[in-house]
Amino acid sequence: MNKLSDCLYQESNAIRKASEKLDALEVDKALNILENCSKKKNKVVISGVGKSGIVARKIAATFSSLGLMSLYLNPLDALHGDLGIVDSDDVCLLLSNSGETQELLEVIPHLKRRGTKCISMVGRINSTLAKQSDIVLDSSVDKEVCPLNLAPTASTAVAMAIGDSLAAVLTERIGISSSDFAINHPAGQLGKQLTLKVENLMIHRKNIHIINTESSLKEIIFHLTNDAIGTCLIENPGVKNQLFGIITDGDLRRALEANDSKNWETLSAKDIMTTDPISIGKNVLVVDALEKMELNRRKPVSILPVVDKDNEILGLLRLHDLVKSGLA
């Protein structure tokens, strides 16, 4: 085992030991308080100093990403006015490896005065911070991975792991779904899959030239080229704006190949178009639109007309736009 692998092993071993040290009763009390806090839409306020402060920020970010209202509070700023963000029904999670962090010890009396519950995550369960807290989670380690046993390494890994585990268990207890998660991650892959709809990516009707069945080959080529969309939509001769057919670059090439060049000038939209094209509604999720493109019963398509329930043209969805969004 090389030195790097050995360090990773030591950290993972510290996390394993931490799982054995945690008092089941204290953990259950912490989870109950946090669950109740979340269900009442109150906040989880997480605080720490130095490396513990960095871990606290990460835990707060994880809680928030799951829809558990959470924020990081700098204890020094708390003593100079920011304590105003803490409500009596909120829960405070305080991180300190030594359990003697002066800034946190100075904050606790003010939290108790307003009736805020305090959970401490400490490396020494007999520390002053632990004694003044309502619930204590043991995050102690035998030694740091640092050869000098000084730089917070194993201790921060354990604290982070406990914070992540609290969030994971709460996710299950509260019943947070992948859809809930996606709402807080609109720019992420899952968020896009579960929230982005066809109407968010489609080219709208006003930016598309709708032609008729008698439109000439010259007109078709002009719109295919000029619009930079590579598609023409054809409306129903008897119903204005109702989808009747579609012409793509592929349709044009096939029509030219099938007809003698002497007859090209006589070709019109009705001779080239695909009738009864595959279409989609504007409220369909784009991930479902992508599946429809790929699993089309005829052949994979790269463009879908967007229509309403009466088959009226609303716009156009391109595979190109799905690729740009990161979904294809």
C-alpha atoms as a PDB file:
ATOM      1  CA  MET A   1       0.000   0.000   0.000  1.00  0.00           C
ATOM      2  CA  ASN A   2       1.461   3.398  -0.993  1.00  0.00           C
ATOM      3  CA  LYS A   3       1.380   6.402   1.351  1.00  0.00           C
ATOM      4  CA  LEU A   4      -1.584   8.034  -0.349  1.00  0.00           C
ATOM      5  CA  SER A   5      -3.631   4.855  -0.162  1.00  0.00           C
ATOM      6  CA  ASP A   6      -2.619   4.471   3.460  1.00  0.00           C
ATOM      7  CA  CYS A   7      -3.905   7.981   4.259  1.00  0.00           C
ATOM      8  CA  LEU A   8      -7.199   7.216   2.551  1.00  0.00           C
ATOM      9  CA  TYR A   9      -7.449   3.990   4.501  1.00  0.00           C
ATOM     10  CA  GLN A  10      -6.836   5.851   7.769  1.00  0.00           C
ATOM     11  CA  GLU A  11      -9.557   8.366   6.986  1.00  0.00           C
ATOM     12  CA  SER A  12     -12.056   5.693   5.989  1.00  0.00           C
ATOM     13  CA  ASN A  13     -11.171   3.757   9.125  1.00  0.00           C
ATOM     14  CA  ALA A  14     -11.766   6.877  11.230  1.00  0.00           C
ATOM     15  CA  ILE A  15     -15.248   7.196   9.692  1.00  0.00           C
ATOM     16  CA  ARG A  16     -15.942   3.510  10.378  1.00  0.00           C
ATOM     17  CA  LYS A  17     -14.914   3.914  14.029  1.00  0.00           C
ATOM     18  CA  ALA A  18     -17.055   7.051  14.315  1.00  0.00           C
ATOM     19  CA  SER A  19     -20.108   5.029  13.290  1.00  0.00           C
ATOM     20  CA  GLU A  20     -19.416   2.724  16.211  1.00  0.00           C
ATOM     21  CA  LYS A  21     -18.837   5.523  18.730  1.00  0.00           C
ATOM     22  CA  LEU A  22     -22.039   7.433  18.053  1.00  0.00           C
ATOM     23  CA  ASP A  23     -24.615   7.095  20.804  1.00  0.00           C
ATOM     24  CA  ALA A  24     -27.771   5.688  19.194  1.00  0.00           C
ATOM     25  CA  LEU A  25     -30.045   7.569  21.607  1.00  0.00           C
ATOM     26  CA  GLU A  26     -28.348  10.907  20.905  1.00  0.00           C
ATOM     27  CA  VAL A  27     -28.473  10.275  17.149  1.00  0.00           C
ATOM     28  CA  ASP A  28     -32.186   9.460  17.318  1.00  0.00           C
ATOM     29  CA  LYS A  29     -32.876  12.603  19.366  1.00  0.00           C
ATOM     30  CA  ALA A  30     -30.935  14.695  16.841  1.00  0.00           C
ATOM     31  CA  LEU A  31     -32.821  13.207  13.903  1.00  0.00           C
ATOM     32  CA  ASN A  32     -36.190  13.732  15.601  1.00  0.00           C
ATOM     33  CA  ILE A  33     -35.425  17.375  16.297  1.00  0.00           C
ATOM     34  CA  LEU A  34     -34.126  17.988  12.771  1.00  0.00           C
ATOM     35  CA  GLU A  35     -37.104  16.193  11.209  1.00  0.00           C
ATOM     36  CA  ASN A  36     -39.567  18.211  13.274  1.00  0.00           C
ATOM     37  CA  CYS A  37     -37.704  21.404  12.391  1.00  0.00           C
ATOM     38  CA  SER A  38     -37.908  20.624   8.682  1.00  0.00           C
ATOM     39  CA  LYS A  39     -41.597  19.685   8.745  1.00  0.00           C
ATOM     40  CA  LYS A  40     -42.415  22.983  10.447  1.00  0.00           C
ATOM     41  CA  LYS A  41     -40.384  24.827   7.791  1.00  0.00           C
ATOM     42  CA  ASN A  42     -37.927  26.142  10.359  1.00  0.00           C
ATOM     43  CA  LYS A  43     -34.190  26.521   9.770  1.00  0.00           C
ATOM     44  CA  VAL A  44     -31.171  24.409  10.605  1.00  0.00           C
ATOM     45  CA  VAL A  45     -28.431  26.907  11.469  1.00  0.00           C
ATOM     46  CA  ILE A  46     -24.939  25.395  11.277  1.00  0.00           C
ATOM     47  CA  SER A  47     -21.869  27.039  12.754  1.00  0.00           C
ATOM     48  CA  GLY A  48     -18.177  26.437  13.266  1.00  0.00           C
ATOM     49  CA  VAL A  49     -14.801  28.189  13.136  1.00  0.00           C
ATOM     50  CA  GLY A  50     -11.780  27.502  10.915  1.00  0.00           C
ATOM     51  CA  LYS A  51     -11.818  24.090   9.234  1.00  0.00           C
ATOM     52  CA  SER A  52     -14.962  23.218  11.201  1.00  0.00           C
ATOM     53  CA  GLY A  53     -16.536  26.316   9.688  1.00  0.00           C
ATOM     54  CA  ILE A  54     -15.728  25.070   6.195  1.00  0.00           C
ATOM     55  CA  VAL A  55     -17.286  21.694   7.007  1.00  0.00           C
ATOM     56  CA  ALA A  56     -20.305  23.495   8.481  1.00  0.00           C
ATOM     57  CA  ARG A  57     -20.770  25.413   5.222  1.00  0.00           C
ATOM     58  CA  LYS A  58     -20.704  22.174   3.244  1.00  0.00           C
ATOM     59  CA  ILE A  59     -23.230  20.468   5.534  1.00  0.00           C
ATOM     60  CA  ALA A  60     -25.524  23.500   5.283  1.00  0.00           C
ATOM     61  CA  ALA A  61     -25.232  23.373   1.488  1.00  0.00           C
ATOM     62  CA  THR A  62     -26.100  19.657   1.466  1.00  0.00           C
ATOM     63  CA  PHE A  63     -29.151  20.206   3.678  1.00  0.00           C
ATOM     64  CA  SER A  64     -30.316  23.090   1.486  1.00  0.00           C
ATOM     65  CA  SER A  65     -29.874  21.105  -1.726  1.00  0.00           C
ATOM     66  CA  LEU A  66     -32.275  18.511  -0.344  1.00  0.00           C
ATOM     67  CA  GLY A  67     -34.873  21.128   0.498  1.00  0.00           C
ATOM     68  CA  LEU A  68     -34.056  21.234   4.219  1.00  0.00           C
ATOM     69  CA  MET A  69     -33.922  24.938   4.991  1.00  0.00           C
ATOM     70  CA  SER A  70     -30.381  25.488   6.252  1.00  0.00           C
ATOM     71  CA  LEU A  71     -27.695  28.135   6.426  1.00  0.00           C
ATOM     72  CA  TYR A  72     -24.206  28.716   7.773  1.00  0.00           C
ATOM     73  CA  LEU A  73     -23.751  31.253  10.570  1.00  0.00           C
ATOM     74  CA  ASN A  74     -20.342  32.681  11.380  1.00  0.00           C
ATOM     75  CA  PRO A  75     -20.251  32.716  15.213  1.00  0.00           C
ATOM     76  CA  LEU A  76     -18.280  35.960  15.343  1.00  0.00           C
ATOM     77  CA  ASP A  77     -20.805  37.684  13.091  1.00  0.00           C
ATOM     78  CA  ALA A  78     -23.560  36.151  15.206  1.00  0.00           C
ATOM     79  CA  LEU A  79     -22.259  38.040  18.230  1.00  0.00           C
ATOM     80  CA  HIS A  80     -22.379  41.277  16.239  1.00  0.00           C
ATOM     81  CA  GLY A  81     -25.938  41.190  14.971  1.00  0.00           C
ATOM     82  CA  ASP A  82     -26.361  38.119  12.760  1.00  0.00           C
ATOM     83  CA  LEU A  83     -27.888  36.186  15.647  1.00  0.00           C
ATOM     84  CA  GLY A  84     -31.093  37.851  14.539  1.00  0.00           C
ATOM     85  CA  ILE A  85     -31.534  35.201  11.841  1.00  0.00           C
ATOM     86  CA  VAL A  86     -31.964  32.484  14.478  1.00  0.00           C
ATOM     87  CA  ASP A  87     -35.501  31.837  15.652  1.00  0.00           C
ATOM     88  CA  SER A  88     -36.521  30.005  18.816  1.00  0.00           C
ATOM     89  CA  ASP A  89     -37.975  27.138  16.752  1.00  0.00           C
ATOM     90  CA  ASP A  90     -34.807  26.744  14.673  1.00  0.00           C
ATOM     91  CA  VAL A  91     -32.149  24.132  15.442  1.00  0.00           C
ATOM     92  CA  CYS A  92     -28.437  24.951  15.725  1.00  0.00           C
ATOM     93  CA  LEU A  93     -25.758  22.428  14.783  1.00  0.00           C
ATOM     94  CA  LEU A  94     -22.410  23.488  16.266  1.00  0.00           C
ATOM     95  CA  LEU A  95     -19.127  21.960  15.063  1.00  0.00           C
ATOM     96  CA  SER A  96     -15.909  21.952  17.080  1.00  0.00           C
ATOM     97  CA  ASN A  97     -13.255  19.261  17.244  1.00  0.00           C
ATOM     98  CA  SER A  98     -11.913  20.512  20.570  1.00  0.00           C
ATOM     99  CA  GLY A  99     -15.308  21.422  21.959  1.00  0.00           C
ATOM    100  CA  GLU A 100     -13.674  24.527  23.433  1.00  0.00           C
ATOM    101  CA  THR A 101     -14.042  26.967  20.535  1.00  0.00           C
ATOM    102  CA  GLN A 102     -14.462  30.285  22.317  1.00  0.00           C
ATOM    103  CA  GLU A 103     -16.673  31.922  19.681  1.00  0.00           C
ATOM    104  CA  LEU A 104     -19.200  29.069  19.899  1.00  0.00           C
ATOM    105  CA  LEU A 105     -19.120  29.048  23.701  1.00  0.00           C
ATOM    106  CA  GLU A 106     -19.956  32.749  23.683  1.00  0.00           C
ATOM    107  CA  VAL A 107     -22.891  32.197  21.302  1.00  0.00           C
ATOM    108  CA  ILE A 108     -24.543  29.323  23.213  1.00  0.00           C
ATOM    109  CA  PRO A 109     -25.953  31.398  26.141  1.00  0.00           C
ATOM    110  CA  HIS A 110     -27.718  33.676  23.662  1.00  0.00           C
ATOM    111  CA  LEU A 111     -29.173  30.682  21.800  1.00  0.00           C
ATOM    112  CA  LYS A 112     -30.409  29.157  25.066  1.00  0.00           C
ATOM    113  CA  ARG A 113     -31.963  32.459  26.097  1.00  0.00           C
ATOM    114  CA  ARG A 114     -34.221  32.369  23.027  1.00  0.00           C
ATOM    115  CA  GLY A 115     -34.978  28.666  23.487  1.00  0.00           C
ATOM    116  CA  THR A 116     -33.135  27.381  20.408  1.00  0.00           C
ATOM    117  CA  LYS A 117     -32.136  23.713  20.555  1.00  0.00           C
ATOM    118  CA  CYS A 118     -28.396  23.073  20.144  1.00  0.00           C
ATOM    119  CA  ILE A 119     -26.788  19.944  18.735  1.00  0.00           C
ATOM    120  CA  SER A 120     -23.004  19.823  19.085  1.00  0.00           C
ATOM    121  CA  MET A 121     -20.724  17.706  16.921  1.00  0.00           C
ATOM    122  CA  VAL A 122     -17.510  17.501  18.914  1.00  0.00           C
ATOM    123  CA  GLY A 123     -14.272  15.569  19.135  1.00  0.00           C
ATOM    124  CA  ARG A 124     -14.448  15.536  22.945  1.00  0.00           C
ATOM    125  CA  ILE A 125     -17.770  14.555  24.494  1.00  0.00           C
ATOM    126  CA  ASN A 126     -16.698  15.889  27.914  1.00  0.00           C
ATOM    127  CA  SER A 127     -15.874  19.336  26.511  1.00  0.00           C
ATOM    128  CA  THR A 128     -17.520  22.578  27.594  1.00  0.00           C
ATOM    129  CA  LEU A 129     -19.481  22.833  24.321  1.00  0.00           C
ATOM    130  CA  ALA A 130     -20.804  19.302  24.709  1.00  0.00           C
ATOM    131  CA  LYS A 131     -21.906  19.936  28.295  1.00  0.00           C
ATOM    132  CA  GLN A 132     -23.828  23.053  27.261  1.00  0.00           C
ATOM    133  CA  SER A 133     -25.587  21.412  24.312  1.00  0.00           C
ATOM    134  CA  ASP A 134     -28.971  19.659  24.265  1.00  0.00           C
ATOM    135  CA  ILE A 135     -27.647  16.804  22.109  1.00  0.00           C
ATOM    136  CA  VAL A 136     -24.069  15.618  21.564  1.00  0.00           C
ATOM    137  CA  LEU A 137     -22.752  13.742  18.532  1.00  0.00           C
ATOM    138  CA  ASP A 138     -19.313  12.210  19.055  1.00  0.00           C
ATOM    139  CA  SER A 139     -17.037  12.988  16.081  1.00  0.00           C
ATOM    140  CA  SER A 140     -13.766  12.115  17.819  1.00  0.00           C
ATOM    141  CA  VAL A 141     -10.844  10.430  16.059  1.00  0.00           C
ATOM    142  CA  ASP A 142      -7.851   8.569  17.477  1.00  0.00           C
ATOM    143  CA  LYS A 143      -5.430  10.672  15.433  1.00  0.00           C
ATOM    144  CA  GLU A 144      -5.269  12.905  12.410  1.00  0.00           C
ATOM    145  CA  VAL A 145      -3.954  11.590   9.100  1.00  0.00           C
ATOM    146  CA  CYS A 146      -1.455  14.450   9.136  1.00  0.00           C
ATOM    147  CA  PRO A 147       1.997  13.001  10.065  1.00  0.00           C
ATOM    148  CA  LEU A 148       2.298  15.723  12.705  1.00  0.00           C
ATOM    149  CA  ASN A 149      -1.164  14.861  14.048  1.00  0.00           C
ATOM    150  CA  LEU A 150      -1.967  18.562  13.833  1.00  0.00           C
ATOM    151  CA  ALA A 151      -3.777  19.501  10.599  1.00  0.00           C
ATOM    152  CA  PRO A 152      -7.506  18.687  10.738  1.00  0.00           C
ATOM    153  CA  THR A 153      -7.835  15.753   8.328  1.00  0.00           C
ATOM    154  CA  ALA A 154      -9.474  12.642   9.768  1.00  0.00           C
ATOM    155  CA  SER A 155     -11.503  14.830  12.143  1.00  0.00           C
ATOM    156  CA  THR A 156     -12.942  16.955   9.330  1.00  0.00           C
ATOM    157  CA  ALA A 157     -13.637  13.828   7.246  1.00  0.00           C
ATOM    158  CA  VAL A 158     -15.608  12.334  10.148  1.00  0.00           C
ATOM    159  CA  ALA A 159     -17.545  15.541  10.785  1.00  0.00           C
ATOM    160  CA  MET A 160     -18.387  15.797   7.090  1.00  0.00           C
ATOM    161  CA  ALA A 161     -19.473  12.160   6.980  1.00  0.00           C
ATOM    162  CA  ILE A 162     -21.756  12.565  10.003  1.00  0.00           C
ATOM    163  CA  GLY A 163     -23.318  15.671   8.445  1.00  0.00           C
ATOM    164  CA  ASP A 164     -23.867  13.863   5.143  1.00  0.00           C
ATOM    165  CA  SER A 165     -25.378  10.893   6.979  1.00  0.00           C
ATOM    166  CA  LEU A 166     -27.794  13.108   8.897  1.00  0.00           C
ATOM    167  CA  ALA A 167     -28.924  14.629   5.595  1.00  0.00           C
ATOM    168  CA  ALA A 168     -29.281  11.202   3.972  1.00  0.00           C
ATOM    169  CA  VAL A 169     -31.408   9.776   6.782  1.00  0.00           C
ATOM    170  CA  LEU A 170     -33.558  12.908   6.924  1.00  0.00           C
ATOM    171  CA  THR A 171     -34.149  12.657   3.170  1.00  0.00           C
ATOM    172  CA  GLU A 172     -35.714   9.258   3.725  1.00  0.00           C
ATOM    173  CA  ARG A 173     -37.615  10.239   6.877  1.00  0.00           C
ATOM    174  CA  ILE A 174     -39.162  13.334   5.349  1.00  0.00           C
ATOM    175  CA  GLY A 175     -39.852  11.616   2.051  1.00  0.00           C
ATOM    176  CA  ILE A 176     -37.894  13.876  -0.267  1.00  0.00           C
ATOM    177  CA  SER A 177     -38.276  12.603  -3.845  1.00  0.00           C
ATOM    178  CA  SER A 178     -36.060  12.966  -6.884  1.00  0.00           C
ATOM    179  CA  SER A 179     -38.577  15.544  -8.166  1.00  0.00           C
ATOM    180  CA  ASP A 180     -38.157  17.590  -4.964  1.00  0.00           C
ATOM    181  CA  PHE A 181     -34.393  17.357  -5.376  1.00  0.00           C
ATOM    182  CA  ALA A 182     -34.622  18.492  -8.994  1.00  0.00           C
ATOM    183  CA  ILE A 183     -36.518  21.647  -8.029  1.00  0.00           C
ATOM    184  CA  ASN A 184     -33.446  22.792  -6.095  1.00  0.00           C
ATOM    185  CA  HIS A 185     -31.095  21.771  -8.926  1.00  0.00           C
ATOM    186  CA  PRO A 186     -32.674  23.313 -12.037  1.00  0.00           C
ATOM    187  CA  ALA A 187     -29.321  23.580 -13.828  1.00  0.00           C
ATOM    188  CA  GLY A 188     -28.225  20.039 -13.009  1.00  0.00           C
ATOM    189  CA  GLN A 189     -28.793  16.999 -15.195  1.00  0.00           C
ATOM    190  CA  LEU A 190     -31.512  15.547 -12.978  1.00  0.00           C
ATOM    191  CA  GLY A 191     -33.144  18.951 -12.552  1.00  0.00           C
ATOM    192  CA  LYS A 192     -33.355  19.428 -16.291  1.00  0.00           C
ATOM    193  CA  GLN A 193     -34.776  15.953 -16.807  1.00  0.00           C
ATOM    194  CA  LEU A 194     -37.521  16.471 -14.252  1.00  0.00           C
ATOM    195  CA  THR A 195     -38.386  20.149 -14.739  1.00  0.00           C
ATOM    196  CA  LEU A 196     -37.464  21.325 -18.258  1.00  0.00           C
ATOM    197  CA  LYS A 197     -40.404  21.245 -20.651  1.00  0.00           C
ATOM    198  CA  VAL A 198     -40.681  21.444 -24.414  1.00  0.00           C
ATOM    199  CA  GLU A 199     -41.949  25.041 -24.229  1.00  0.00           C
ATOM    200  CA  ASN A 200     -38.693  26.044 -22.492  1.00  0.00           C
ATOM    201  CA  LEU A 201     -36.545  24.983 -25.468  1.00  0.00           C
ATOM    202  CA  MET A 202     -38.794  25.163 -28.528  1.00  0.00           C
ATOM    203  CA  ILE A 203     -38.534  27.722 -31.323  1.00  0.00           C
ATOM    204  CA  HIS A 204     -41.784  29.659 -31.116  1.00  0.00           C
ATOM    205  CA  ARG A 205     -44.359  29.961 -33.885  1.00  0.00           C
ATOM    206  CA  LYS A 206     -43.533  33.604 -34.576  1.00  0.00           C
ATOM    207  CA  ASN A 207     -39.953  32.639 -35.531  1.00  0.00           C
ATOM    208  CA  ILE A 208     -41.004  29.925 -37.988  1.00  0.00           C
ATOM    209  CA  HIS A 209     -42.205  30.378 -41.568  1.00  0.00           C
ATOM    210  CA  ILE A 210     -45.337  28.336 -42.167  1.00  0.00           C
ATOM    211  CA  ILE A 211     -45.821  27.487 -45.852  1.00  0.00           C
ATOM    212  CA  ASN A 212     -48.704  25.919 -47.783  1.00  0.00           C
ATOM    213  CA  THR A 213     -48.973  22.808 -49.904  1.00  0.00           C
ATOM    214  CA  GLU A 214     -48.511  24.811 -53.130  1.00  0.00           C
ATOM    215  CA  SER A 215     -45.290  26.557 -52.053  1.00  0.00           C
ATOM    216  CA  SER A 216     -42.659  26.196 -54.785  1.00  0.00           C
ATOM    217  CA  LEU A 217     -39.324  24.399 -54.573  1.00  0.00           C
ATOM    218  CA  LYS A 218     -37.575  27.770 -54.724  1.00  0.00           C
ATOM    219  CA  GLU A 219     -39.576  29.052 -51.759  1.00  0.00           C
ATOM    220  CA  ILE A 220     -38.901  25.859 -49.799  1.00  0.00           C
ATOM    221  CA  ILE A 221     -35.139  26.055 -50.368  1.00  0.00           C
ATOM    222  CA  PHE A 222     -35.189  29.746 -49.450  1.00  0.00           C
ATOM    223  CA  HIS A 223     -36.821  29.094 -46.054  1.00  0.00           C
ATOM    224  CA  LEU A 224     -34.764  25.986 -45.317  1.00  0.00           C
ATOM    225  CA  THR A 225     -31.611  28.046 -45.890  1.00  0.00           C
ATOM    226  CA  ASN A 226     -32.594  31.460 -44.607  1.00  0.00           C
ATOM    227  CA  ASP A 227     -34.251  30.424 -41.343  1.00  0.00           C
ATOM    228  CA  ALA A 228     -31.223  28.311 -40.366  1.00  0.00           C
ATOM    229  CA  ILE A 229     -33.688  25.813 -38.894  1.00  0.00           C
ATOM    230  CA  GLY A 230     -33.530  23.270 -41.701  1.00  0.00           C
ATOM    231  CA  THR A 231     -37.280  22.685 -41.583  1.00  0.00           C
ATOM    232  CA  CYS A 232     -40.487  23.990 -43.108  1.00  0.00           C
ATOM    233  CA  LEU A 233     -43.893  23.341 -41.561  1.00  0.00           C
ATOM    234  CA  ILE A 234     -46.901  23.074 -43.865  1.00  0.00           C
ATOM    235  CA  GLU A 235     -50.348  24.146 -42.722  1.00  0.00           C
ATOM    236  CA  ASN A 236     -53.599  22.376 -43.501  1.00  0.00           C
ATOM    237  CA  PRO A 237     -55.129  23.860 -46.693  1.00  0.00           C
ATOM    238  CA  GLY A 238     -58.506  23.973 -44.997  1.00  0.00           C
ATOM    239  CA  VAL A 239     -57.535  25.094 -41.470  1.00  0.00           C
ATOM    240  CA  LYS A 240     -55.187  28.029 -40.871  1.00  0.00           C
ATOM    241  CA  ASN A 241     -52.119  27.290 -38.692  1.00  0.00           C
ATOM    242  CA  GLN A 242     -53.078  23.610 -38.290  1.00  0.00           C
ATOM    243  CA  LEU A 243     -50.166  21.234 -38.892  1.00  0.00           C
ATOM    244  CA  PHE A 244     -50.487  19.246 -42.114  1.00  0.00           C
ATOM    245  CA  GLY A 245     -46.943  18.254 -43.019  1.00  0.00           C
ATOM    246  CA  ILE A 246     -43.219  18.887 -42.573  1.00  0.00           C
ATOM    247  CA  ILE A 247     -40.251  19.268 -44.901  1.00  0.00           C
ATOM    248  CA  THR A 248     -36.723  18.690 -43.659  1.00  0.00           C
ATOM    249  CA  ASP A 249     -33.394  18.809 -45.471  1.00  0.00           C
ATOM    250  CA  GLY A 250     -33.664  15.039 -45.748  1.00  0.00           C
ATOM    251  CA  ASP A 251     -37.125  15.235 -47.343  1.00  0.00           C
ATOM    252  CA  LEU A 252     -35.797  17.720 -49.905  1.00  0.00           C
ATOM    253  CA  ARG A 253     -32.792  15.568 -50.828  1.00  0.00           C
ATOM    254  CA  ARG A 254     -34.949  12.473 -51.209  1.00  0.00           C
ATOM    255  CA  ALA A 255     -37.437  14.329 -53.420  1.00  0.00           C
ATOM    256  CA  LEU A 256     -34.687  15.670 -55.681  1.00  0.00           C
ATOM    257  CA  GLU A 257     -33.157  12.223 -55.964  1.00  0.00           C
ATOM    258  CA  ALA A 258     -36.513  10.639 -56.817  1.00  0.00           C
ATOM    259  CA  ASN A 259     -37.402  13.170 -59.534  1.00  0.00           C
ATOM    260  CA  ASP A 260     -35.654  13.978 -62.807  1.00  0.00           C
ATOM    261  CA  SER A 261     -33.891  17.331 -62.606  1.00  0.00           C
ATOM    262  CA  LYS A 262     -35.998  18.506 -65.544  1.00  0.00           C
ATOM    263  CA  ASN A 263     -39.063  18.299 -63.312  1.00  0.00           C
ATOM    264  CA  TRP A 264     -37.619  19.966 -60.232  1.00  0.00           C
ATOM    265  CA  GLU A 265     -39.169  23.329 -61.050  1.00  0.00           C
ATOM    266  CA  THR A 266     -42.622  21.766 -61.033  1.00  0.00           C
ATOM    267  CA  LEU A 267     -42.233  20.348 -57.526  1.00  0.00           C
ATOM    268  CA  SER A 268     -44.235  21.956 -54.722  1.00  0.00           C
ATOM    269  CA  ALA A 269     -44.515  21.352 -50.970  1.00  0.00           C
ATOM    270  CA  LYS A 270     -47.187  18.669 -51.384  1.00  0.00           C
ATOM    271  CA  ASP A 271     -44.759  16.593 -53.500  1.00  0.00           C
ATOM    272  CA  ILE A 272     -41.929  16.786 -50.951  1.00  0.00           C
ATOM    273  CA  MET A 273     -43.483  16.911 -47.492  1.00  0.00           C
ATOM    274  CA  THR A 274     -43.919  14.157 -44.942  1.00  0.00           C
ATOM    275  CA  THR A 275     -47.623  14.048 -44.091  1.00  0.00           C
ATOM    276  CA  ASP A 276     -48.939  13.317 -40.603  1.00  0.00           C
ATOM    277  CA  PRO A 277     -45.574  14.121 -38.962  1.00  0.00           C
ATOM    278  CA  ILE A 278     -44.694  13.049 -35.423  1.00  0.00           C
ATOM    279  CA  SER A 279     -45.486  15.995 -33.118  1.00  0.00           C
ATOM    280  CA  ILE A 280     -45.437  16.808 -29.412  1.00  0.00           C
ATOM    281  CA  GLY A 281     -47.179  19.078 -26.877  1.00  0.00           C
ATOM    282  CA  LYS A 282     -45.524  22.057 -25.213  1.00  0.00           C
ATOM    283  CA  ASN A 283     -45.968  20.741 -21.639  1.00  0.00           C
ATOM    284  CA  VAL A 284     -44.154  17.456 -22.251  1.00  0.00           C
ATOM    285  CA  LEU A 285     -40.821  17.028 -20.428  1.00  0.00           C
ATOM    286  CA  VAL A 286     -37.903  17.427 -22.816  1.00  0.00           C
ATOM    287  CA  VAL A 287     -36.458  14.097 -21.659  1.00  0.00           C
ATOM    288  CA  ASP A 288     -39.661  12.451 -22.950  1.00  0.00           C
ATOM    289  CA  ALA A 289     -39.384  14.441 -26.167  1.00  0.00           C
ATOM    290  CA  LEU A 290     -35.855  13.100 -26.616  1.00  0.00           C
ATOM    291  CA  GLU A 291     -37.110   9.553 -26.136  1.00  0.00           C
ATOM    292  CA  LYS A 292     -39.828  10.173 -28.719  1.00  0.00           C
ATOM    293  CA  MET A 293     -37.214  11.370 -31.186  1.00  0.00           C
ATOM    294  CA  GLU A 294     -34.990   8.354 -30.633  1.00  0.00           C
ATOM    295  CA  LEU A 295     -37.706   5.683 -30.508  1.00  0.00           C
ATOM    296  CA  ASN A 296     -39.855   6.970 -33.348  1.00  0.00           C
ATOM    297  CA  ARG A 297     -41.650   4.014 -34.973  1.00  0.00           C
ATOM    298  CA  ARG A 298     -40.561   5.094 -38.451  1.00  0.00           C
ATOM    299  CA  LYS A 299     -36.999   6.252 -37.885  1.00  0.00           C
ATOM    300  CA  PRO A 300     -35.163   8.507 -35.415  1.00  0.00           C
ATOM    301  CA  VAL A 301     -36.021  12.170 -36.004  1.00  0.00           C
ATOM    302  CA  SER A 302     -34.175  15.342 -35.047  1.00  0.00           C
ATOM    303  CA  ILE A 303     -37.127  17.751 -35.223  1.00  0.00           C
ATOM    304  CA  LEU A 304     -40.575  17.678 -33.640  1.00  0.00           C
ATOM    305  CA  PRO A 305     -43.362  20.141 -34.456  1.00  0.00           C
ATOM    306  CA  VAL A 306     -44.983  21.418 -31.247  1.00  0.00           C
ATOM    307  CA  VAL A 307     -48.774  21.561 -31.402  1.00  0.00           C
ATOM    308  CA  ASP A 308     -51.777  22.084 -29.132  1.00  0.00           C
ATOM    309  CA  LYS A 309     -54.715  19.698 -28.658  1.00  0.00           C
ATOM    310  CA  ASP A 310     -56.263  20.938 -31.914  1.00  0.00           C
ATOM    311  CA  ASN A 311     -53.012  20.295 -33.810  1.00  0.00           C
ATOM    312  CA  GLU A 312     -52.405  24.034 -34.164  1.00  0.00           C
ATOM    313  CA  ILE A 313     -48.729  24.863 -34.664  1.00  0.00           C
ATOM    314  CA  LEU A 314     -47.080  26.365 -31.568  1.00  0.00           C
ATOM    315  CA  GLY A 315     -43.439  25.901 -32.451  1.00  0.00           C
ATOM    316  CA  LEU A 316     -40.641  23.513 -33.238  1.00  0.00           C
ATOM    317  CA  LEU A 317     -38.283  21.457 -31.053  1.00  0.00           C
ATOM    318  CA  ARG A 318     -34.878  20.460 -32.441  1.00  0.00           C
ATOM    319  CA  LEU A 319     -32.443  17.812 -31.259  1.00  0.00           C
ATOM    320  CA  HIS A 320     -29.848  20.577 -31.581  1.00  0.00           C
ATOM    321  CA  ASP A 321     -31.547  22.490 -28.764  1.00  0.00           C
ATOM    322  CA  LEU A 322     -31.644  19.389 -26.558  1.00  0.00           C
ATOM    323  CA  VAL A 323     -27.920  18.910 -27.107  1.00  0.00           C
ATOM    324  CA  LYS A 324     -27.259  22.539 -26.153  1.00  0.00           C
ATOM    325  CA  SER A 325     -29.255  22.053 -22.951  1.00  0.00           C
ATOM    326  CA  GLY A 326     -27.037  19.101 -22.015  1.00  0.00           C
ATOM    327  CA  LEU A 327     -29.803  16.502 -22.204  1.00  0.00           C
ATOM    328  CA  ALA A 328     -28.692  14.716 -25.367  1.00  0.00           C
END
